[in-house]
């Protein structure tokens, strides 16, 4: 019903929204999940009302992501999917105050064993970058925190996760302050274009080391974590990533590298 414009004709929206919000504390996890789905559907049925009730809807989605009685993260998954639908209609002032909290909260889902959680969290992260302009420095740190993961998951075994990573990286590009990297993401990560991963990563690492040479050790450390990934293609991509980073770094920056850590592959 909330997915349909008829809810406006019946003057039911506010009543139904209050009921859905109240169900967020229901003892049944399925009810909490479906309540969030209903609230997210307002983006389709009454998009103009999302702006009016933005703060309330956003609070519901954040509460859903923080649901403590959600062992399989189904409520969190619904919250992330619904928030992605609502974002286009929310006021920037409403999302700005929660931007950092949401970005930090969804980051662990990038490596979830559940592909739906990986996909939804990565798509939501890409959508959040639209609101990063006023908070650029703070959100830039979140982009750097997630960059290695997004680039490695271009080798994810699930095509829908690869598609999500391409989208998120295209969205992150303009906020990274490196025109060459931004152009690469926009041109090479189009959905309809196949990717030569090795060649792409070689060029990405060249731009990274030209623009952020001080990031070398941090990028290497994050990659080392993926040496023990459950996904073989990602395990293979991590040492390739490190190899290209070291290849393109200036000699005076090589002192950053902990060779003992690198050779042992420990983290």
Foldseek 3Di string as FASTA:
>chain_A
DLLALVCVVVVCVVVLLVVLLVQCPPPDPVSNLVSLLSLLSNLRRPLQCCQVCVLVNLVSLLVQLVDPPCVPSSSVLSSLQSCLSNLVRYDLVSCVVCLLVLLVSLLVQCQDPDVSSNLSSLLSLLSSLVSCPVVLVSVLVSCVVCVLSLLLCCQPPDLSNVLSSLSSQQSCLVSNPQPQSNVLSVPQSDPPHDHPSLVSLLSNLLSCQVVPVVCLQVLLVVLLVQCPRPDPSSVVVSVSNNVSNVVNHDPVSCVSDPVVCVVVSHD
